[in-house]
Amino acid sequence: MVLTHFIPLAFFKWCETTLIGHAIRQATWGFAVIETFHIMTLAVFLGTIVVIDLRLLGFGLRRRSASKLASELAPWNWTALALMLLTGIPLFLSEATRLSGSTPFFIKMMFFLLGLLIQVTIYRKATRDEGWLGKLTGVLSLLCWFGVAFAGRAIAFPELFHL
């Protein structure tokens, strides 16, 4: 499945003509530098998510409630998420046409949207309820965010992942 099934190709071509998209394509190190920050912020984000989700699943940091842990890590979590978006959008703009036909990119975006939906809807309630809702949310959250990372890696090497 590809994004051009849902969005006209003209949109993706337009994205590449934006000032940001064009500038990144023309800069020798632009894409690499932005991608490095994108991956670093993903690592910080995944780190906070993994700690909270493992706590929801009953592993580690048992002296601290999941709610308290989520509250303490929230600034790191939301800052990393914002920086992922701020770096991901320019990366997309620089190669939108190629990504429009990329199955791994489509999968990444589906995992991202589902993970974001979980994050802004049930995550807070789940961290307060460390029962079955917490465990289910922890598992879904881990699947989504590691799905984002795995599919993101597959964008560069789709042949290795048979996508």
Protein backbone atom coordinates (compact mmCIF):
# COMPACT_ATOMS: atom_id res chain seq x y z
CA MET A 1 0.00 0.00 0.00
CA VAL A 2 1.25 3.49 -0.80
CA LEU A 3 0.16 7.01 0.04
CA THR A 4 -0.71 7.87 -3.57
CA HIS A 5 -3.78 5.66 -3.12
CA PHE A 6 -5.11 8.33 -0.75
CA ILE A 7 -3.38 11.57 -1.74
CA PRO A 8 -2.75 12.85 -5.29
CA LEU A 9 0.83 12.61 -6.56
CA ALA A 10 0.73 16.35 -7.29
CA PHE A 11 0.77 17.01 -3.54
CA PHE A 12 4.01 15.07 -3.09
CA LYS A 13 5.62 16.84 -6.05
CA TRP A 14 4.59 20.16 -4.56
CA CYS A 15 6.18 19.20 -1.20
CA GLU A 16 9.52 18.76 -2.92
CA THR A 17 9.29 22.22 -4.49
CA THR A 18 8.91 23.94 -1.12
CA LEU A 19 11.83 26.04 0.05
CA ILE A 20 12.66 23.53 2.80
CA GLY A 21 12.44 20.47 0.55
CA HIS A 22 14.58 22.07 -2.13
CA ALA A 23 17.15 23.40 0.37
CA ILE A 24 17.66 20.01 1.99
CA ARG A 25 18.10 18.29 -1.37
CA GLN A 26 20.68 20.90 -2.42
CA ALA A 27 22.68 20.89 0.82
CA THR A 28 25.53 18.41 0.86
CA TRP A 29 25.01 17.36 4.47
CA GLY A 30 21.48 18.69 5.06
CA PHE A 31 19.60 15.41 4.93
CA ALA A 32 22.23 13.51 6.93
CA VAL A 33 22.38 16.09 9.73
CA ILE A 34 18.60 16.36 10.05
CA GLU A 35 18.19 12.58 9.91
CA THR A 36 20.79 12.18 12.66
CA PHE A 37 18.78 14.49 14.95
CA HIS A 38 15.58 12.69 13.90
CA ILE A 39 17.01 9.32 14.94
CA MET A 40 18.49 10.72 18.17
CA THR A 41 15.12 12.16 19.20
CA LEU A 42 13.46 8.86 18.30
CA ALA A 43 15.93 7.13 20.64
CA VAL A 44 15.07 9.52 23.49
CA PHE A 45 11.36 9.11 22.81
CA LEU A 46 11.60 5.31 22.65
CA GLY A 47 13.67 5.33 25.84
CA THR A 48 10.96 7.15 27.78
CA ILE A 49 8.20 5.02 26.28
CA VAL A 50 10.00 1.74 26.99
CA VAL A 51 10.59 2.66 30.64
CA ILE A 52 6.93 3.57 31.17
CA ASP A 53 5.54 0.65 29.16
CA LEU A 54 7.74 -1.89 30.92
CA ARG A 55 6.51 -0.46 34.23
CA LEU A 56 2.92 -0.88 32.99
CA LEU A 57 3.76 -4.49 32.18
CA GLY A 58 5.12 -5.01 35.70
CA PHE A 59 8.83 -4.90 34.93
CA GLY A 60 11.34 -2.58 36.59
CA LEU A 61 11.02 0.48 38.81
CA ARG A 62 8.32 -1.14 40.94
CA ARG A 63 8.80 1.33 43.78
CA ARG A 64 7.46 4.08 41.54
CA SER A 65 3.94 4.13 40.16
CA ALA A 66 3.50 4.19 36.40
CA SER A 67 1.59 7.45 36.78
CA LYS A 68 4.46 9.13 38.65
CA LEU A 69 7.01 7.74 36.21
CA ALA A 70 4.98 8.97 33.22
CA SER A 71 4.66 12.38 34.84
CA GLU A 72 8.40 12.62 35.50
CA LEU A 73 9.30 11.54 31.97
CA ALA A 74 6.60 13.61 30.24
CA PRO A 75 8.83 16.62 29.48
CA TRP A 76 11.40 14.35 27.82
CA ASN A 77 8.71 12.38 26.06
CA TRP A 78 6.82 15.35 24.60
CA THR A 79 9.97 17.30 23.73
CA ALA A 80 11.38 14.31 21.87
CA LEU A 81 8.08 13.79 20.07
CA ALA A 82 7.98 17.45 19.03
CA LEU A 83 11.58 17.30 17.80
CA MET A 84 10.83 14.10 15.87
CA LEU A 85 8.05 15.95 14.08
CA LEU A 86 10.21 19.04 13.52
CA THR A 87 12.91 16.94 11.91
CA GLY A 88 10.66 14.39 10.20
CA ILE A 89 8.61 16.91 8.25
CA PRO A 90 11.62 18.49 6.51
CA LEU A 91 13.00 15.03 5.74
CA PHE A 92 9.67 14.15 4.17
CA LEU A 93 9.56 17.39 2.18
CA SER A 94 12.97 16.64 0.69
CA GLU A 95 11.92 13.30 -0.79
CA ALA A 96 8.13 13.30 -0.76
CA THR A 97 7.67 11.83 -4.24
CA ARG A 98 9.85 8.82 -3.47
CA LEU A 99 8.16 8.31 -0.10
CA SER A 100 4.70 8.53 -1.63
CA GLY A 101 5.30 5.15 -3.25
CA SER A 102 7.13 3.58 -0.31
CA THR A 103 5.34 0.76 1.51
CA PRO A 104 7.67 1.03 4.55
CA PHE A 105 6.90 4.77 4.80
CA PHE A 106 3.17 4.03 4.65
CA ILE A 107 3.58 1.43 7.41
CA LYS A 108 5.65 3.87 9.47
CA MET A 109 2.96 6.53 9.19
CA MET A 110 0.21 4.08 10.18
CA PHE A 111 2.18 2.98 13.26
CA PHE A 112 2.97 6.62 14.05
CA LEU A 113 -0.67 7.72 13.84
CA LEU A 114 -1.85 4.78 15.94
CA GLY A 115 0.92 5.34 18.51
CA LEU A 116 0.09 9.04 18.67
CA LEU A 117 -3.60 8.25 19.08
CA ILE A 118 -2.81 5.93 21.99
CA GLN A 119 -0.47 8.54 23.49
CA VAL A 120 -3.04 11.35 23.49
CA THR A 121 -6.12 9.30 24.40
CA ILE A 122 -5.72 6.30 26.71
CA TYR A 123 -2.10 6.55 27.84
CA ARG A 124 -2.72 8.85 30.82
CA LYS A 125 -5.64 6.74 32.06
CA ALA A 126 -3.62 3.58 31.51
CA THR A 127 -0.72 4.83 33.61
CA ARG A 128 -3.13 5.46 36.48
CA ASP A 129 -4.78 2.04 36.06
CA GLU A 130 -2.00 -0.49 36.25
CA GLY A 131 -4.41 -3.37 35.62
CA TRP A 132 -5.40 -4.90 32.31
CA LEU A 133 -5.81 -1.50 30.60
CA GLY A 134 -2.26 -0.56 31.56
CA LYS A 135 -0.87 -3.83 30.30
CA LEU A 136 -2.80 -3.67 27.03
CA THR A 137 -1.76 -0.06 26.49
CA GLY A 138 1.86 -0.90 27.26
CA VAL A 139 1.90 -3.70 24.69
CA LEU A 140 0.13 -1.64 22.01
CA SER A 141 2.37 1.34 22.66
CA LEU A 142 5.54 -0.74 22.37
CA LEU A 143 4.30 -2.38 19.17
CA CYS A 144 3.43 0.96 17.60
CA TRP A 145 6.59 2.85 18.48
CA PHE A 146 8.95 0.01 17.65
CA GLY A 147 6.92 -0.42 14.46
CA VAL A 148 7.71 3.22 13.66
CA ALA A 149 11.43 2.62 14.22
CA PHE A 150 11.53 -0.66 12.28
CA ALA A 151 9.51 0.66 9.34
CA GLY A 152 11.62 3.83 9.35
CA ARG A 153 14.74 1.75 8.98
CA ALA A 154 13.05 -0.25 6.21
CA ILE A 155 12.50 2.94 4.19
CA ALA A 156 16.20 3.03 3.38
CA PHE A 157 16.50 -0.73 2.82
CA PRO A 158 13.11 -2.07 1.65
CA GLU A 159 14.73 -5.00 -0.18
CA LEU A 160 16.15 -6.33 3.09
CA PHE A 161 12.70 -6.41 4.65
CA HIS A 162 10.84 -7.66 1.58
CA LEU A 163 8.56 -4.64 1.61
